[in-house]
């Protein structure tokens, strides 16, 4: 599960890649935190910018993520 939080919008709990894709469309144009727990139990947070066009970019490193790549992170 990946939890997406933004300021001023609802939080999204994503249990599938389809739900993640829909949530990303809803937070387009915002800065968001993507929170997930890895299989090892380690909690992780990524701070991302989702552009109006739906491009997902790490706020600090400027690395661009595909939805599938973001989904695979929590499966590690």
PDB file of N, CA and C in Angstrom:
ATOM      1  N   UNK A   1       0.834  -1.166   0.000  1.00  0.00           N
ATOM      2  CA  UNK A   1       0.000   0.000   0.000  1.00  0.00           C
ATOM      3  C   UNK A   1       0.895   1.250   0.000  1.00  0.00           C
ATOM      4  N   UNK A   2       0.512   2.217  -0.805  1.00  0.00           N
ATOM      5  CA  UNK A   2       1.191   3.507  -0.848  1.00  0.00           C
ATOM      6  C   UNK A   2       0.173   4.562  -0.455  1.00  0.00           C
ATOM      7  N   UNK A   3       0.566   5.434   0.466  1.00  0.00           N
ATOM      8  CA  UNK A   3      -0.303   6.522   0.907  1.00  0.00           C
ATOM      9  C   UNK A   3       0.217   7.820   0.296  1.00  0.00           C
ATOM     10  N   UNK A   4      -0.659   8.536  -0.379  1.00  0.00           N
ATOM     11  CA  UNK A   4      -0.291   9.812  -0.996  1.00  0.00           C
ATOM     12  C   UNK A   4      -0.976  10.924  -0.213  1.00  0.00           C
ATOM     13  N   UNK A   5      -0.176  11.886   0.250  1.00  0.00           N
ATOM     14  CA  UNK A   5      -0.714  13.015   0.994  1.00  0.00           C
ATOM     15  C   UNK A   5      -0.295  14.319   0.328  1.00  0.00           C
ATOM     16  N   UNK A   6      -1.230  15.249   0.256  1.00  0.00           N
ATOM     17  CA  UNK A   6      -0.952  16.592  -0.237  1.00  0.00           C
ATOM     18  C   UNK A   6      -1.604  17.584   0.718  1.00  0.00           C
ATOM     19  N   UNK A   7      -1.162  18.812   0.661  1.00  0.00           N
ATOM     20  CA  UNK A   7      -1.754  19.855   1.486  1.00  0.00           C
ATOM     21  C   UNK A   7      -3.026  20.341   0.802  1.00  0.00           C
ATOM     22  N   UNK A   8      -4.115  20.343   1.527  1.00  0.00           N
ATOM     23  CA  UNK A   8      -5.373  20.857   1.006  1.00  0.00           C
ATOM     24  C   UNK A   8      -6.186  19.896   0.168  1.00  0.00           C
ATOM     25  N   UNK A   9      -5.729  18.658   0.035  1.00  0.00           N
ATOM     26  CA  UNK A   9      -6.486  17.647  -0.711  1.00  0.00           C
ATOM     27  C   UNK A   9      -6.613  16.411   0.164  1.00  0.00           C
ATOM     28  N   UNK A  10      -7.504  15.531  -0.232  1.00  0.00           N
ATOM     29  CA  UNK A  10      -7.681  14.303   0.541  1.00  0.00           C
ATOM     30  C   UNK A  10      -6.464  13.387   0.406  1.00  0.00           C
ATOM     31  N   UNK A  11      -6.300  12.497   1.371  1.00  0.00           N
ATOM     32  CA  UNK A  11      -5.246  11.483   1.315  1.00  0.00           C
ATOM     33  C   UNK A  11      -5.752  10.310   0.489  1.00  0.00           C
ATOM     34  N   UNK A  12      -4.825   9.648  -0.201  1.00  0.00           N
ATOM     35  CA  UNK A  12      -5.179   8.497  -1.033  1.00  0.00           C
ATOM     36  C   UNK A  12      -4.411   7.273  -0.559  1.00  0.00           C
ATOM     37  N   UNK A  13      -5.132   6.176  -0.313  1.00  0.00           N
ATOM     38  CA  UNK A  13      -4.517   4.896   0.002  1.00  0.00           C
ATOM     39  C   UNK A  13      -4.608   4.033  -1.244  1.00  0.00           C
ATOM     40  N   UNK A  14      -3.473   3.632  -1.759  1.00  0.00           N
ATOM     41  CA  UNK A  14      -3.417   2.901  -3.027  1.00  0.00           C
ATOM     42  C   UNK A  14      -2.999   1.461  -2.774  1.00  0.00           C
ATOM     43  N   UNK A  15      -3.906   0.535  -3.063  1.00  0.00           N
ATOM     44  CA  UNK A  15      -3.648  -0.888  -2.872  1.00  0.00           C
ATOM     45  C   UNK A  15      -3.350  -1.605  -4.186  1.00  0.00           C
ATOM     46  N   UNK A  16      -3.413  -0.887  -5.294  1.00  0.00           N
ATOM     47  CA  UNK A  16      -3.084  -1.480  -6.592  1.00  0.00           C
ATOM     48  C   UNK A  16      -2.470  -0.394  -7.479  1.00  0.00           C
ATOM     49  N   UNK A  17      -1.859  -0.835  -8.548  1.00  0.00           N
ATOM     50  CA  UNK A  17      -1.231   0.119  -9.467  1.00  0.00           C
ATOM     51  C   UNK A  17      -2.291   0.989 -10.151  1.00  0.00           C
ATOM     52  N   UNK A  18      -3.495   0.434 -10.345  1.00  0.00           N
ATOM     53  CA  UNK A  18      -4.582   1.221 -10.941  1.00  0.00           C
ATOM     54  C   UNK A  18      -5.033   2.336 -10.008  1.00  0.00           C
ATOM     55  N   UNK A  19      -5.147   2.031  -8.717  1.00  0.00           N
ATOM     56  CA  UNK A  19      -5.514   3.055  -7.743  1.00  0.00           C
ATOM     57  C   UNK A  19      -4.431   4.125  -7.661  1.00  0.00           C
ATOM     58  N   UNK A  20      -3.157   3.709  -7.749  1.00  0.00           N
ATOM     59  CA  UNK A  20      -2.047   4.654  -7.730  1.00  0.00           C
ATOM     60  C   UNK A  20      -2.128   5.593  -8.931  1.00  0.00           C
ATOM     61  N   UNK A  21      -2.401   5.045 -10.084  1.00  0.00           N
ATOM     62  CA  UNK A  21      -2.515   5.841 -11.307  1.00  0.00           C
ATOM     63  C   UNK A  21      -3.640   6.869 -11.194  1.00  0.00           C
ATOM     64  N   UNK A  22      -4.784   6.446 -10.670  1.00  0.00           N
ATOM     65  CA  UNK A  22      -5.921   7.362 -10.502  1.00  0.00           C
ATOM     66  C   UNK A  22      -5.603   8.457  -9.489  1.00  0.00           C
ATOM     67  N   UNK A  23      -4.930   8.096  -8.397  1.00  0.00           N
ATOM     68  CA  UNK A  23      -4.575   9.072  -7.368  1.00  0.00           C
ATOM     69  C   UNK A  23      -3.586  10.105  -7.909  1.00  0.00           C
ATOM     70  N   UNK A  24      -2.644   9.665  -8.731  1.00  0.00           N
ATOM     71  CA  UNK A  24      -1.665  10.587  -9.307  1.00  0.00           C
ATOM     72  C   UNK A  24      -2.361  11.606 -10.196  1.00  0.00           C
ATOM     73  N   UNK A  25      -3.365  11.174 -10.931  1.00  0.00           N
ATOM     74  CA  UNK A  25      -4.133  12.111 -11.766  1.00  0.00           C
ATOM     75  C   UNK A  25      -4.842  13.152 -10.914  1.00  0.00           C
ATOM     76  N   UNK A  26      -5.293  12.755  -9.725  1.00  0.00           N
ATOM     77  CA  UNK A  26      -6.017  13.671  -8.841  1.00  0.00           C
ATOM     78  C   UNK A  26      -5.103  14.674  -8.139  1.00  0.00           C
ATOM     79  N   UNK A  27      -3.817  14.340  -7.997  1.00  0.00           N
ATOM     80  CA  UNK A  27      -2.888  15.264  -7.332  1.00  0.00           C
ATOM     81  C   UNK A  27      -1.988  15.992  -8.338  1.00  0.00           C
ATOM     82  N   UNK A  28      -2.336  15.920  -9.612  1.00  0.00           N
ATOM     83  CA  UNK A  28      -1.542  16.598 -10.643  1.00  0.00           C
ATOM     84  C   UNK A  28      -1.459  18.091 -10.323  1.00  0.00           C
ATOM     85  N   UNK A  29      -0.266  18.635 -10.475  1.00  0.00           N
ATOM     86  CA  UNK A  29      -0.032  20.043 -10.204  1.00  0.00           C
ATOM     87  C   UNK A  29       0.313  20.326  -8.753  1.00  0.00           C
ATOM     88  N   UNK A  30       0.580  19.287  -7.959  1.00  0.00           N
ATOM     89  CA  UNK A  30       0.836  19.444  -6.521  1.00  0.00           C
ATOM     90  C   UNK A  30       2.168  18.818  -6.115  1.00  0.00           C
ATOM     91  N   UNK A  31       2.616  19.236  -4.934  1.00  0.00           N
ATOM     92  CA  UNK A  31       3.698  18.541  -4.252  1.00  0.00           C
ATOM     93  C   UNK A  31       3.019  17.509  -3.361  1.00  0.00           C
ATOM     94  N   UNK A  32       3.565  16.315  -3.293  1.00  0.00           N
ATOM     95  CA  UNK A  32       2.924  15.250  -2.524  1.00  0.00           C
ATOM     96  C   UNK A  32       3.979  14.388  -1.846  1.00  0.00           C
ATOM     97  N   UNK A  33       3.582  13.773  -0.740  1.00  0.00           N
ATOM     98  CA  UNK A  33       4.448  12.782  -0.102  1.00  0.00           C
ATOM     99  C   UNK A  33       3.880  11.407  -0.407  1.00  0.00           C
ATOM    100  N   UNK A  34       4.763  10.502  -0.771  1.00  0.00           N
ATOM    101  CA  UNK A  34       4.408   9.115  -1.056  1.00  0.00           C
ATOM    102  C   UNK A  34       4.991   8.278   0.071  1.00  0.00           C
ATOM    103  N   UNK A  35       4.138   7.713   0.908  1.00  0.00           N
ATOM    104  CA  UNK A  35       4.592   6.945   2.067  1.00  0.00           C
ATOM    105  C   UNK A  35       4.293   5.476   1.837  1.00  0.00           C
ATOM    106  N   UNK A  36       5.277   4.640   2.167  1.00  0.00           N
ATOM    107  CA  UNK A  36       5.082   3.201   2.018  1.00  0.00           C
ATOM    108  C   UNK A  36       5.982   2.462   2.984  1.00  0.00           C
ATOM    109  N   UNK A  37       5.655   1.208   3.238  1.00  0.00           N
ATOM    110  CA  UNK A  37       6.454   0.345   4.105  1.00  0.00           C
ATOM    111  C   UNK A  37       7.002  -0.788   3.257  1.00  0.00           C
ATOM    112  N   UNK A  38       8.324  -0.935   3.287  1.00  0.00           N
ATOM    113  CA  UNK A  38       8.946  -2.015   2.529  1.00  0.00           C
ATOM    114  C   UNK A  38       8.717  -3.342   3.246  1.00  0.00           C
ATOM    115  N   UNK A  39       8.934  -4.427   2.532  1.00  0.00           N
ATOM    116  CA  UNK A  39       8.731  -5.763   3.128  1.00  0.00           C
ATOM    117  C   UNK A  39       9.603  -5.971   4.352  1.00  0.00           C
ATOM    118  N   UNK A  40      10.742  -5.294   4.397  1.00  0.00           N
ATOM    119  CA  UNK A  40      11.637  -5.424   5.548  1.00  0.00           C
ATOM    120  C   UNK A  40      11.068  -4.731   6.790  1.00  0.00           C
ATOM    121  N   UNK A  41       9.996  -3.941   6.618  1.00  0.00           N
ATOM    122  CA  UNK A  41       9.404  -3.213   7.732  1.00  0.00           C
ATOM    123  C   UNK A  41       9.826  -1.757   7.791  1.00  0.00           C
ATOM    124  N   UNK A  42      10.769  -1.373   6.926  1.00  0.00           N
ATOM    125  CA  UNK A  42      11.267  -0.005   6.902  1.00  0.00           C
ATOM    126  C   UNK A  42      10.235   0.932   6.277  1.00  0.00           C
ATOM    127  N   UNK A  43       9.891   1.986   6.990  1.00  0.00           N
ATOM    128  CA  UNK A  43       8.956   2.989   6.451  1.00  0.00           C
ATOM    129  C   UNK A  43       9.743   4.004   5.647  1.00  0.00           C
ATOM    130  N   UNK A  44       9.235   4.336   4.490  1.00  0.00           N
ATOM    131  CA  UNK A  44       9.916   5.279   3.597  1.00  0.00           C
ATOM    132  C   UNK A  44       8.959   6.374   3.178  1.00  0.00           C
ATOM    133  N   UNK A  45       9.504   7.545   2.909  1.00  0.00           N
ATOM    134  CA  UNK A  45       8.723   8.667   2.406  1.00  0.00           C
ATOM    135  C   UNK A  45       9.496   9.292   1.251  1.00  0.00           C
ATOM    136  N   UNK A  46       8.811   9.499   0.136  1.00  0.00           N
ATOM    137  CA  UNK A  46       9.380  10.209  -1.003  1.00  0.00           C
ATOM    138  C   UNK A  46       8.585  11.492  -1.185  1.00  0.00           C
ATOM    139  N   UNK A  47       9.286  12.595  -1.362  1.00  0.00           N
ATOM    140  CA  UNK A  47       8.622  13.866  -1.617  1.00  0.00           C
ATOM    141  C   UNK A  47       8.685  14.128  -3.112  1.00  0.00           C
ATOM    142  N   UNK A  48       7.520  14.175  -3.732  1.00  0.00           N
ATOM    143  CA  UNK A  48       7.435  14.245  -5.176  1.00  0.00           C
ATOM    144  C   UNK A  48       6.646  15.469  -5.627  1.00  0.00           C
ATOM    145  N   UNK A  49       6.937  15.873  -6.845  1.00  0.00           N
ATOM    146  CA  UNK A  49       6.159  16.888  -7.527  1.00  0.00           C
ATOM    147  C   UNK A  49       5.462  16.193  -8.682  1.00  0.00           C
ATOM    148  N   UNK A  50       4.148  16.342  -8.752  1.00  0.00           N
ATOM    149  CA  UNK A  50       3.387  15.766  -9.854  1.00  0.00           C
ATOM    150  C   UNK A  50       2.944  16.931 -10.731  1.00  0.00           C
ATOM    151  N   UNK A  51       3.468  16.986 -11.936  1.00  0.00           N
ATOM    152  CA  UNK A  51       3.150  18.110 -12.823  1.00  0.00           C
ATOM    153  C   UNK A  51       1.729  17.980 -13.353  1.00  0.00           C
ATOM    154  N   UNK A  52       1.238  19.058 -13.937  1.00  0.00           N
ATOM    155  CA  UNK A  52      -0.112  19.049 -14.515  1.00  0.00           C
ATOM    156  C   UNK A  52      -0.237  17.983 -15.593  1.00  0.00           C
ATOM    157  N   UNK A  53       0.864  17.636 -16.256  1.00  0.00           N
ATOM    158  CA  UNK A  53       0.857  16.598 -17.283  1.00  0.00           C
ATOM    159  C   UNK A  53       0.978  15.197 -16.726  1.00  0.00           C
ATOM    160  N   UNK A  54       1.120  15.069 -15.388  1.00  0.00           N
ATOM    161  CA  UNK A  54       1.202  13.759 -14.759  1.00  0.00           C
ATOM    162  C   UNK A  54       2.605  13.204 -14.608  1.00  0.00           C
ATOM    163  N   UNK A  55       3.625  14.024 -14.859  1.00  0.00           N
ATOM    164  CA  UNK A  55       5.011  13.577 -14.685  1.00  0.00           C
ATOM    165  C   UNK A  55       5.322  13.572 -13.188  1.00  0.00           C
ATOM    166  N   UNK A  56       5.865  12.460 -12.699  1.00  0.00           N
ATOM    167  CA  UNK A  56       6.181  12.299 -11.280  1.00  0.00           C
ATOM    168  C   UNK A  56       7.678  12.510 -11.115  1.00  0.00           C
ATOM    169  N   UNK A  57       8.053  13.518 -10.333  1.00  0.00           N
ATOM    170  CA  UNK A  57       9.459  13.881 -10.205  1.00  0.00           C
ATOM    171  C   UNK A  57       9.822  14.030  -8.733  1.00  0.00           C
ATOM    172  N   UNK A  58      10.953  13.432  -8.326  1.00  0.00           N
ATOM    173  CA  UNK A  58      11.445  13.601  -6.970  1.00  0.00           C
ATOM    174  C   UNK A  58      11.742  15.079  -6.745  1.00  0.00           C
ATOM    175  N   UNK A  59      11.220  15.640  -5.676  1.00  0.00           N
ATOM    176  CA  UNK A  59      11.355  17.065  -5.410  1.00  0.00           C
ATOM    177  C   UNK A  59      12.810  17.475  -5.214  1.00  0.00           C
ATOM    178  N   UNK A  60      13.629  16.607  -4.622  1.00  0.00           N
ATOM    179  CA  UNK A  60      15.010  16.974  -4.298  1.00  0.00           C
ATOM    180  C   UNK A  60      16.005  16.605  -5.385  1.00  0.00           C
ATOM    181  N   UNK A  61      15.909  15.388  -5.911  1.00  0.00           N
ATOM    182  CA  UNK A  61      16.909  14.935  -6.887  1.00  0.00           C
ATOM    183  C   UNK A  61      16.493  15.194  -8.327  1.00  0.00           C
ATOM    184  N   UNK A  62      15.232  15.549  -8.539  1.00  0.00           N
ATOM    185  CA  UNK A  62      14.673  15.806  -9.875  1.00  0.00           C
ATOM    186  C   UNK A  62      14.587  14.544 -10.737  1.00  0.00           C
ATOM    187  N   UNK A  63      14.756  13.360 -10.122  1.00  0.00           N
ATOM    188  CA  UNK A  63      14.613  12.105 -10.864  1.00  0.00           C
ATOM    189  C   UNK A  63      13.148  11.904 -11.236  1.00  0.00           C
ATOM    190  N   UNK A  64      12.897  11.514 -12.464  1.00  0.00           N
ATOM    191  CA  UNK A  64      11.539  11.276 -12.945  1.00  0.00           C
ATOM    192  C   UNK A  64      11.209   9.794 -12.760  1.00  0.00           C
ATOM    193  N   UNK A  65      10.029   9.507 -12.206  1.00  0.00           N
ATOM    194  CA  UNK A  65       9.574   8.149 -11.959  1.00  0.00           C
ATOM    195  C   UNK A  65       8.406   7.815 -12.866  1.00  0.00           C
ATOM    196  N   UNK A  66       8.371   6.595 -13.333  1.00  0.00           N
ATOM    197  CA  UNK A  66       7.199   6.044 -14.003  1.00  0.00           C
ATOM    198  C   UNK A  66       6.301   5.452 -12.910  1.00  0.00           C
ATOM    199  N   UNK A  67       5.022   5.323 -13.191  1.00  0.00           N
ATOM    200  CA  UNK A  67       4.086   4.787 -12.195  1.00  0.00           C
ATOM    201  C   UNK A  67       4.492   3.364 -11.793  1.00  0.00           C
ATOM    202  N   UNK A  68       4.877   2.544 -12.752  1.00  0.00           N
ATOM    203  CA  UNK A  68       5.267   1.163 -12.467  1.00  0.00           C
ATOM    204  C   UNK A  68       6.493   1.114 -11.561  1.00  0.00           C
ATOM    205  N   UNK A  69       7.439   1.996 -11.800  1.00  0.00           N
ATOM    206  CA  UNK A  69       8.655   2.044 -10.984  1.00  0.00           C
ATOM    207  C   UNK A  69       8.320   2.454  -9.555  1.00  0.00           C
ATOM    208  N   UNK A  70       7.453   3.424  -9.409  1.00  0.00           N
ATOM    209  CA  UNK A  70       7.029   3.871  -8.085  1.00  0.00           C
ATOM    210  C   UNK A  70       6.298   2.751  -7.342  1.00  0.00           C
ATOM    211  N   UNK A  71       5.455   2.012  -8.040  1.00  0.00           N
ATOM    212  CA  UNK A  71       4.718   0.907  -7.438  1.00  0.00           C
ATOM    213  C   UNK A  71       5.670  -0.193  -6.970  1.00  0.00           C
ATOM    214  N   UNK A  72       6.704  -0.478  -7.774  1.00  0.00           N
ATOM    215  CA  UNK A  72       7.658  -1.551  -7.413  1.00  0.00           C
ATOM    216  C   UNK A  72       8.470  -1.211  -6.178  1.00  0.00           C
ATOM    217  N   UNK A  73       8.659   0.065  -5.867  1.00  0.00           N
ATOM    218  CA  UNK A  73       9.470   0.446  -4.710  1.00  0.00           C
ATOM    219  C   UNK A  73       8.957  -0.168  -3.413  1.00  0.00           C
ATOM    220  N   UNK A  74       7.644  -0.208  -3.244  1.00  0.00           N
ATOM    221  CA  UNK A  74       7.129  -0.728  -1.974  1.00  0.00           C
ATOM    222  C   UNK A  74       7.115  -2.263  -1.924  1.00  0.00           C
ATOM    223  N   UNK A  75       7.394  -2.895  -3.059  1.00  0.00           N
ATOM    224  CA  UNK A  75       7.435  -4.356  -3.104  1.00  0.00           C
ATOM    225  C   UNK A  75       8.813  -4.916  -2.723  1.00  0.00           C
ATOM    226  N   UNK A  76       9.796  -4.032  -2.612  1.00  0.00           N
ATOM    227  CA  UNK A  76      11.167  -4.470  -2.311  1.00  0.00           C
ATOM    228  C   UNK A  76      11.269  -4.934  -0.870  1.00  0.00           C
TER     229      UNK A  76
END
